[in-house]
Amino acid sequence: MKLTKKEIESANCLYSDLSNLISEVDTIQKQEGYTVTDELLLSYFSDFMESANVNTDVTIKVLENFGDTGRDLARNLKVKWGY
């Protein structure tokens, strides 16, 4: 799974954007009193990236930066796509 420089840049941008989204959702949750788990957000992200036909290697790279939950989702994609 060797990424090009452009793919690494894309992965870094996606990681940053997704981190910001999770942070914003956490803040809103605390204010509004409801719960959306990081696992749910990461799962939606993974499904969205797959539906958008984004390079699976990029999606895996991004997910692997989100702790155990992200690594588990990345591993599921690897199994699904025969890595």
PDB file of N, CA and C in Angstrom:
ATOM      1  N   MET A   1       0.843  -1.170   0.000  1.00  0.00           N
ATOM      2  CA  MET A   1       0.000   0.000   0.000  1.00  0.00           C
ATOM      3  C   MET A   1       0.890   1.236   0.000  1.00  0.00           C
ATOM      4  N   LYS A   2       1.528   1.511  -1.098  1.00  0.00           N
ATOM      5  CA  LYS A   2       2.394   2.677  -1.245  1.00  0.00           C
ATOM      6  C   LYS A   2       1.578   3.799  -1.869  1.00  0.00           C
ATOM      7  N   LEU A   3       1.473   4.910  -1.141  1.00  0.00           N
ATOM      8  CA  LEU A   3       0.702   6.054  -1.634  1.00  0.00           C
ATOM      9  C   LEU A   3       1.611   7.045  -2.333  1.00  0.00           C
ATOM     10  N   THR A   4       1.061   7.700  -3.346  1.00  0.00           N
ATOM     11  CA  THR A   4       1.794   8.772  -4.018  1.00  0.00           C
ATOM     12  C   THR A   4       1.792  10.008  -3.119  1.00  0.00           C
ATOM     13  N   LYS A   5       2.612  10.979  -3.470  1.00  0.00           N
ATOM     14  CA  LYS A   5       2.662  12.216  -2.698  1.00  0.00           C
ATOM     15  C   LYS A   5       1.296  12.890  -2.675  1.00  0.00           C
ATOM     16  N   LYS A   6       0.610  12.901  -3.815  1.00  0.00           N
ATOM     17  CA  LYS A   6      -0.712  13.519  -3.897  1.00  0.00           C
ATOM     18  C   LYS A   6      -1.718  12.785  -3.013  1.00  0.00           C
ATOM     19  N   GLU A   7      -1.648  11.453  -2.982  1.00  0.00           N
ATOM     20  CA  GLU A   7      -2.557  10.673  -2.147  1.00  0.00           C
ATOM     21  C   GLU A   7      -2.281  10.926  -0.661  1.00  0.00           C
ATOM     22  N   ILE A   8      -1.018  11.062  -0.293  1.00  0.00           N
ATOM     23  CA  ILE A   8      -0.657  11.362   1.089  1.00  0.00           C
ATOM     24  C   ILE A   8      -1.187  12.734   1.481  1.00  0.00           C
ATOM     25  N   GLU A   9      -1.064  13.710   0.590  1.00  0.00           N
ATOM     26  CA  GLU A   9      -1.608  15.047   0.854  1.00  0.00           C
ATOM     27  C   GLU A   9      -3.123  14.991   1.021  1.00  0.00           C
ATOM     28  N   SER A  10      -3.794  14.221   0.169  1.00  0.00           N
ATOM     29  CA  SER A  10      -5.245  14.057   0.274  1.00  0.00           C
ATOM     30  C   SER A  10      -5.622  13.414   1.602  1.00  0.00           C
ATOM     31  N   ALA A  11      -4.879  12.378   1.979  1.00  0.00           N
ATOM     32  CA  ALA A  11      -5.147  11.687   3.240  1.00  0.00           C
ATOM     33  C   ALA A  11      -4.972  12.636   4.419  1.00  0.00           C
ATOM     34  N   ASN A  12      -3.941  13.451   4.389  1.00  0.00           N
ATOM     35  CA  ASN A  12      -3.698  14.406   5.474  1.00  0.00           C
ATOM     36  C   ASN A  12      -4.824  15.432   5.575  1.00  0.00           C
ATOM     37  N   CYS A  13      -5.296  15.926   4.436  1.00  0.00           N
ATOM     38  CA  CYS A  13      -6.402  16.887   4.428  1.00  0.00           C
ATOM     39  C   CYS A  13      -7.680  16.239   4.949  1.00  0.00           C
ATOM     40  N   LEU A  14      -7.953  15.021   4.499  1.00  0.00           N
ATOM     41  CA  LEU A  14      -9.146  14.313   4.956  1.00  0.00           C
ATOM     42  C   LEU A  14      -9.080  14.038   6.456  1.00  0.00           C
ATOM     43  N   TYR A  15      -7.901  13.663   6.929  1.00  0.00           N
ATOM     44  CA  TYR A  15      -7.729  13.414   8.365  1.00  0.00           C
ATOM     45  C   TYR A  15      -8.032  14.691   9.150  1.00  0.00           C
ATOM     46  N   SER A  16      -7.488  15.791   8.699  1.00  0.00           N
ATOM     47  CA  SER A  16      -7.705  17.066   9.381  1.00  0.00           C
ATOM     48  C   SER A  16      -9.182  17.441   9.385  1.00  0.00           C
ATOM     49  N   ASP A  17      -9.824  17.321   8.240  1.00  0.00           N
ATOM     50  CA  ASP A  17     -11.249  17.667   8.138  1.00  0.00           C
ATOM     51  C   ASP A  17     -12.111  16.756   9.008  1.00  0.00           C
ATOM     52  N   LEU A  18     -11.809  15.473   9.002  1.00  0.00           N
ATOM     53  CA  LEU A  18     -12.587  14.527   9.796  1.00  0.00           C
ATOM     54  C   LEU A  18     -12.356  14.761  11.293  1.00  0.00           C
ATOM     55  N   SER A  19     -11.140  15.074  11.676  1.00  0.00           N
ATOM     56  CA  SER A  19     -10.836  15.404  13.078  1.00  0.00           C
ATOM     57  C   SER A  19     -11.635  16.623  13.519  1.00  0.00           C
ATOM     58  N   ASN A  20     -11.679  17.634  12.662  1.00  0.00           N
ATOM     59  CA  ASN A  20     -12.453  18.838  12.969  1.00  0.00           C
ATOM     60  C   ASN A  20     -13.938  18.528  13.091  1.00  0.00           C
ATOM     61  N   LEU A  21     -14.458  17.701  12.205  1.00  0.00           N
ATOM     62  CA  LEU A  21     -15.864  17.315  12.248  1.00  0.00           C
ATOM     63  C   LEU A  21     -16.186  16.606  13.561  1.00  0.00           C
ATOM     64  N   ILE A  22     -15.346  15.649  13.942  1.00  0.00           N
ATOM     65  CA  ILE A  22     -15.568  14.913  15.185  1.00  0.00           C
ATOM     66  C   ILE A  22     -15.534  15.864  16.371  1.00  0.00           C
ATOM     67  N   SER A  23     -14.595  16.790  16.371  1.00  0.00           N
ATOM     68  CA  SER A  23     -14.487  17.762  17.455  1.00  0.00           C
ATOM     69  C   SER A  23     -15.735  18.645  17.530  1.00  0.00           C
ATOM     70  N   GLU A  24     -16.200  19.108  16.372  1.00  0.00           N
ATOM     71  CA  GLU A  24     -17.399  19.946  16.335  1.00  0.00           C
ATOM     72  C   GLU A  24     -18.635  19.180  16.803  1.00  0.00           C
ATOM     73  N   VAL A  25     -18.766  17.935  16.382  1.00  0.00           N
ATOM     74  CA  VAL A  25     -19.902  17.117  16.803  1.00  0.00           C
ATOM     75  C   VAL A  25     -19.838  16.891  18.315  1.00  0.00           C
ATOM     76  N   ASP A  26     -18.646  16.634  18.845  1.00  0.00           N
ATOM     77  CA  ASP A  26     -18.497  16.458  20.298  1.00  0.00           C
ATOM     78  C   ASP A  26     -18.953  17.703  21.052  1.00  0.00           C
ATOM     79  N   THR A  27     -18.575  18.868  20.551  1.00  0.00           N
ATOM     80  CA  THR A  27     -18.964  20.124  21.193  1.00  0.00           C
ATOM     81  C   THR A  27     -20.480  20.311  21.155  1.00  0.00           C
ATOM     82  N   ILE A  28     -21.076  20.071  20.005  1.00  0.00           N
ATOM     83  CA  ILE A  28     -22.527  20.223  19.856  1.00  0.00           C
ATOM     84  C   ILE A  28     -23.265  19.210  20.736  1.00  0.00           C
ATOM     85  N   GLN A  29     -22.741  17.982  20.788  1.00  0.00           N
ATOM     86  CA  GLN A  29     -23.370  16.951  21.625  1.00  0.00           C
ATOM     87  C   GLN A  29     -23.444  17.393  23.073  1.00  0.00           C
ATOM     88  N   LYS A  30     -22.353  17.942  23.560  1.00  0.00           N
ATOM     89  CA  LYS A  30     -22.309  18.375  24.957  1.00  0.00           C
ATOM     90  C   LYS A  30     -23.316  19.492  25.208  1.00  0.00           C
ATOM     91  N   GLN A  31     -23.489  20.360  24.234  1.00  0.00           N
ATOM     92  CA  GLN A  31     -24.432  21.469  24.379  1.00  0.00           C
ATOM     93  C   GLN A  31     -25.877  21.001  24.274  1.00  0.00           C
ATOM     94  N   GLU A  32     -26.127  20.060  23.378  1.00  0.00           N
ATOM     95  CA  GLU A  32     -27.501  19.632  23.098  1.00  0.00           C
ATOM     96  C   GLU A  32     -27.930  18.388  23.882  1.00  0.00           C
ATOM     97  N   GLY A  33     -26.950  17.663  24.436  1.00  0.00           N
ATOM     98  CA  GLY A  33     -27.272  16.502  25.256  1.00  0.00           C
ATOM     99  C   GLY A  33     -27.610  15.229  24.499  1.00  0.00           C
ATOM    100  N   TYR A  34     -27.120  15.056  23.305  1.00  0.00           N
ATOM    101  CA  TYR A  34     -27.319  13.799  22.595  1.00  0.00           C
ATOM    102  C   TYR A  34     -25.962  13.176  22.282  1.00  0.00           C
ATOM    103  N   THR A  35     -25.968  11.945  21.780  1.00  0.00           N
ATOM    104  CA  THR A  35     -24.711  11.230  21.584  1.00  0.00           C
ATOM    105  C   THR A  35     -24.585  10.690  20.163  1.00  0.00           C
ATOM    106  N   VAL A  36     -23.497  11.020  19.520  1.00  0.00           N
ATOM    107  CA  VAL A  36     -23.080  10.420  18.256  1.00  0.00           C
ATOM    108  C   VAL A  36     -21.659   9.942  18.514  1.00  0.00           C
ATOM    109  N   THR A  37     -21.431   8.651  18.388  1.00  0.00           N
ATOM    110  CA  THR A  37     -20.120   8.108  18.719  1.00  0.00           C
ATOM    111  C   THR A  37     -19.111   8.341  17.597  1.00  0.00           C
ATOM    112  N   ASP A  38     -17.840   8.390  17.980  1.00  0.00           N
ATOM    113  CA  ASP A  38     -16.777   8.493  16.984  1.00  0.00           C
ATOM    114  C   ASP A  38     -16.838   7.305  16.033  1.00  0.00           C
ATOM    115  N   GLU A  39     -17.184   6.141  16.570  1.00  0.00           N
ATOM    116  CA  GLU A  39     -17.287   4.939  15.742  1.00  0.00           C
ATOM    117  C   GLU A  39     -18.324   5.126  14.638  1.00  0.00           C
ATOM    118  N   LEU A  40     -19.455   5.720  14.986  1.00  0.00           N
ATOM    119  CA  LEU A  40     -20.504   5.959  13.990  1.00  0.00           C
ATOM    120  C   LEU A  40     -20.024   6.943  12.929  1.00  0.00           C
ATOM    121  N   LEU A  41     -19.389   8.030  13.354  1.00  0.00           N
ATOM    122  CA  LEU A  41     -18.876   9.014  12.393  1.00  0.00           C
ATOM    123  C   LEU A  41     -17.830   8.395  11.471  1.00  0.00           C
ATOM    124  N   LEU A  42     -16.918   7.626  12.037  1.00  0.00           N
ATOM    125  CA  LEU A  42     -15.874   6.991  11.216  1.00  0.00           C
ATOM    126  C   LEU A  42     -16.479   5.966  10.260  1.00  0.00           C
ATOM    127  N   SER A  43     -17.500   5.269  10.714  1.00  0.00           N
ATOM    128  CA  SER A  43     -18.169   4.298   9.856  1.00  0.00           C
ATOM    129  C   SER A  43     -18.854   4.996   8.678  1.00  0.00           C
ATOM    130  N   TYR A  44     -19.556   6.107   8.965  1.00  0.00           N
ATOM    131  CA  TYR A  44     -20.163   6.896   7.887  1.00  0.00           C
ATOM    132  C   TYR A  44     -19.098   7.405   6.916  1.00  0.00           C
ATOM    133  N   PHE A  45     -17.978   7.866   7.463  1.00  0.00           N
ATOM    134  CA  PHE A  45     -16.877   8.349   6.624  1.00  0.00           C
ATOM    135  C   PHE A  45     -16.397   7.235   5.699  1.00  0.00           C
ATOM    136  N   SER A  46     -16.170   6.069   6.261  1.00  0.00           N
ATOM    137  CA  SER A  46     -15.699   4.934   5.473  1.00  0.00           C
ATOM    138  C   SER A  46     -16.683   4.590   4.360  1.00  0.00           C
ATOM    139  N   ASP A  47     -17.966   4.516   4.705  1.00  0.00           N
ATOM    140  CA  ASP A  47     -18.999   4.211   3.698  1.00  0.00           C
ATOM    141  C   ASP A  47     -19.061   5.293   2.624  1.00  0.00           C
ATOM    142  N   PHE A  48     -18.971   6.553   3.045  1.00  0.00           N
ATOM    143  CA  PHE A  48     -19.006   7.668   2.097  1.00  0.00           C
ATOM    144  C   PHE A  48     -17.833   7.591   1.132  1.00  0.00           C
ATOM    145  N   MET A  49     -16.645   7.365   1.663  1.00  0.00           N
ATOM    146  CA  MET A  49     -15.445   7.308   0.819  1.00  0.00           C
ATOM    147  C   MET A  49     -15.547   6.160  -0.182  1.00  0.00           C
ATOM    148  N   GLU A  50     -16.072   5.038   0.268  1.00  0.00           N
ATOM    149  CA  GLU A  50     -16.225   3.906  -0.630  1.00  0.00           C
ATOM    150  C   GLU A  50     -17.255   4.211  -1.719  1.00  0.00           C
ATOM    151  N   SER A  51     -18.366   4.817  -1.344  1.00  0.00           N
ATOM    152  CA  SER A  51     -19.409   5.173  -2.311  1.00  0.00           C
ATOM    153  C   SER A  51     -18.912   6.200  -3.323  1.00  0.00           C
ATOM    154  N   ALA A  52     -18.011   7.081  -2.876  1.00  0.00           N
ATOM    155  CA  ALA A  52     -17.476   8.119  -3.756  1.00  0.00           C
ATOM    156  C   ALA A  52     -16.313   7.607  -4.612  1.00  0.00           C
ATOM    157  N   ASN A  53     -16.025   6.319  -4.494  1.00  0.00           N
ATOM    158  CA  ASN A  53     -14.938   5.697  -5.251  1.00  0.00           C
ATOM    159  C   ASN A  53     -13.579   6.349  -5.002  1.00  0.00           C
ATOM    160  N   VAL A  54     -13.359   6.793  -3.769  1.00  0.00           N
ATOM    161  CA  VAL A  54     -12.063   7.327  -3.387  1.00  0.00           C
ATOM    162  C   VAL A  54     -11.108   6.152  -3.234  1.00  0.00           C
ATOM    163  N   ASN A  55      -9.865   6.351  -3.602  1.00  0.00           N
ATOM    164  CA  ASN A  55      -8.850   5.315  -3.485  1.00  0.00           C
ATOM    165  C   ASN A  55      -8.917   4.684  -2.095  1.00  0.00           C
ATOM    166  N   THR A  56      -9.112   3.382  -2.045  1.00  0.00           N
ATOM    167  CA  THR A  56      -9.235   2.665  -0.775  1.00  0.00           C
ATOM    168  C   THR A  56      -7.998   2.838   0.087  1.00  0.00           C
ATOM    169  N   ASP A  57      -6.820   2.911  -0.532  1.00  0.00           N
ATOM    170  CA  ASP A  57      -5.582   3.104   0.230  1.00  0.00           C
ATOM    171  C   ASP A  57      -5.614   4.417   1.010  1.00  0.00           C
ATOM    172  N   VAL A  58      -6.175   5.448   0.410  1.00  0.00           N
ATOM    173  CA  VAL A  58      -6.280   6.751   1.074  1.00  0.00           C
ATOM    174  C   VAL A  58      -7.253   6.637   2.252  1.00  0.00           C
ATOM    175  N   THR A  59      -8.392   6.008   2.040  1.00  0.00           N
ATOM    176  CA  THR A  59      -9.366   5.841   3.106  1.00  0.00           C
ATOM    177  C   THR A  59      -8.761   5.068   4.278  1.00  0.00           C
ATOM    178  N   ILE A  60      -8.043   4.003   3.975  1.00  0.00           N
ATOM    179  CA  ILE A  60      -7.399   3.192   5.014  1.00  0.00           C
ATOM    180  C   ILE A  60      -6.383   4.028   5.780  1.00  0.00           C
ATOM    181  N   LYS A  61      -5.584   4.796   5.062  1.00  0.00           N
ATOM    182  CA  LYS A  61      -4.564   5.640   5.694  1.00  0.00           C
ATOM    183  C   LYS A  61      -5.207   6.624   6.674  1.00  0.00           C
ATOM    184  N   VAL A  62      -6.308   7.236   6.278  1.00  0.00           N
ATOM    185  CA  VAL A  62      -6.997   8.189   7.145  1.00  0.00           C
ATOM    186  C   VAL A  62      -7.554   7.470   8.381  1.00  0.00           C
ATOM    187  N   LEU A  63      -8.255   6.373   8.173  1.00  0.00           N
ATOM    188  CA  LEU A  63      -8.884   5.669   9.287  1.00  0.00           C
ATOM    189  C   LEU A  63      -7.865   5.177  10.308  1.00  0.00           C
ATOM    190  N   GLU A  64      -6.708   4.750   9.840  1.00  0.00           N
ATOM    191  CA  GLU A  64      -5.696   4.212  10.747  1.00  0.00           C
ATOM    192  C   GLU A  64      -5.198   5.244  11.756  1.00  0.00           C
ATOM    193  N   ASN A  65      -5.472   6.513  11.535  1.00  0.00           N
ATOM    194  CA  ASN A  65      -5.056   7.567  12.460  1.00  0.00           C
ATOM    195  C   ASN A  65      -6.060   7.812  13.582  1.00  0.00           C
ATOM    196  N   PHE A  66      -7.172   7.073  13.615  1.00  0.00           N
ATOM    197  CA  PHE A  66      -8.221   7.314  14.589  1.00  0.00           C
ATOM    198  C   PHE A  66      -8.329   6.188  15.615  1.00  0.00           C
ATOM    199  N   GLY A  67      -7.227   5.877  16.245  1.00  0.00           N
ATOM    200  CA  GLY A  67      -7.226   4.925  17.359  1.00  0.00           C
ATOM    201  C   GLY A  67      -7.710   3.539  16.981  1.00  0.00           C
ATOM    202  N   ASP A  68      -8.109   2.793  18.001  1.00  0.00           N
ATOM    203  CA  ASP A  68      -8.536   1.410  17.800  1.00  0.00           C
ATOM    204  C   ASP A  68      -9.740   1.297  16.872  1.00  0.00           C
ATOM    205  N   THR A  69     -10.689   2.205  17.024  1.00  0.00           N
ATOM    206  CA  THR A  69     -11.894   2.162  16.193  1.00  0.00           C
ATOM    207  C   THR A  69     -11.530   2.361  14.721  1.00  0.00           C
ATOM    208  N   GLY A  70     -10.712   3.358  14.433  1.00  0.00           N
ATOM    209  CA  GLY A  70     -10.292   3.607  13.059  1.00  0.00           C
ATOM    210  C   GLY A  70      -9.487   2.452  12.487  1.00  0.00           C
ATOM    211  N   ARG A  71      -8.593   1.903  13.308  1.00  0.00           N
ATOM    212  CA  ARG A  71      -7.789   0.764  12.848  1.00  0.00           C
ATOM    213  C   ARG A  71      -8.674  -0.455  12.560  1.00  0.00           C
ATOM    214  N   ASP A  72      -9.703  -0.658  13.399  1.00  0.00           N
ATOM    215  CA  ASP A  72     -10.630  -1.771  13.146  1.00  0.00           C
ATOM    216  C   ASP A  72     -11.375  -1.588  11.826  1.00  0.00           C
ATOM    217  N   LEU A  73     -11.857  -0.382  11.570  1.00  0.00           N
ATOM    218  CA  LEU A  73     -12.552  -0.115  10.303  1.00  0.00           C
ATOM    219  C   LEU A  73     -11.600  -0.253   9.122  1.00  0.00           C
ATOM    220  N   ALA A  74     -10.363   0.208   9.283  1.00  0.00           N
ATOM    221  CA  ALA A  74      -9.359   0.072   8.214  1.00  0.00           C
ATOM    222  C   ALA A  74      -9.089  -1.409   7.942  1.00  0.00           C
ATOM    223  N   ARG A  75      -8.974  -2.193   9.009  1.00  0.00           N
ATOM    224  CA  ARG A  75      -8.739  -3.629   8.855  1.00  0.00           C
ATOM    225  C   ARG A  75      -9.909  -4.284   8.129  1.00  0.00           C
ATOM    226  N   ASN A  76     -11.140  -3.859   8.450  1.00  0.00           N
ATOM    227  CA  ASN A  76     -12.312  -4.402   7.755  1.00  0.00           C
ATOM    228  C   ASN A  76     -12.255  -4.099   6.260  1.00  0.00           C
ATOM    229  N   LEU A  77     -11.838  -2.881   5.903  1.00  0.00           N
ATOM    230  CA  LEU A  77     -11.695  -2.548   4.478  1.00  0.00           C
ATOM    231  C   LEU A  77     -10.620  -3.400   3.817  1.00  0.00           C
ATOM    232  N   LYS A  78      -9.511  -3.613   4.531  1.00  0.00           N
ATOM    233  CA  LYS A  78      -8.434  -4.446   3.981  1.00  0.00           C
ATOM    234  C   LYS A  78      -8.921  -5.845   3.691  1.00  0.00           C
ATOM    235  N   VAL A  79      -9.678  -6.414   4.621  1.00  0.00           N
ATOM    236  CA  VAL A  79     -10.218  -7.765   4.427  1.00  0.00           C
ATOM    237  C   VAL A  79     -11.196  -7.772   3.258  1.00  0.00           C
ATOM    238  N   LYS A  80     -12.073  -6.769   3.241  1.00  0.00           N
ATOM    239  CA  LYS A  80     -13.082  -6.687   2.173  1.00  0.00           C
ATOM    240  C   LYS A  80     -12.451  -6.626   0.796  1.00  0.00           C
ATOM    241  N   TRP A  81     -11.354  -5.867   0.680  1.00  0.00           N
ATOM    242  CA  TRP A  81     -10.723  -5.671  -0.620  1.00  0.00           C
ATOM    243  C   TRP A  81      -9.498  -6.550  -0.853  1.00  0.00           C
ATOM    244  N   GLY A  82      -9.269  -7.537   0.027  1.00  0.00           N
ATOM    245  CA  GLY A  82      -8.231  -8.536  -0.195  1.00  0.00           C
ATOM    246  C   GLY A  82      -6.809  -8.040  -0.083  1.00  0.00           C
ATOM    247  N   TYR A  83      -6.538  -7.137   0.859  1.00  0.00           N
ATOM    248  CA  TYR A  83      -5.171  -6.644   1.065  1.00  0.00           C
ATOM    249  C   TYR A  83      -4.344  -7.696   1.759  1.00  0.00           C
TER     250      TYR A  83
END
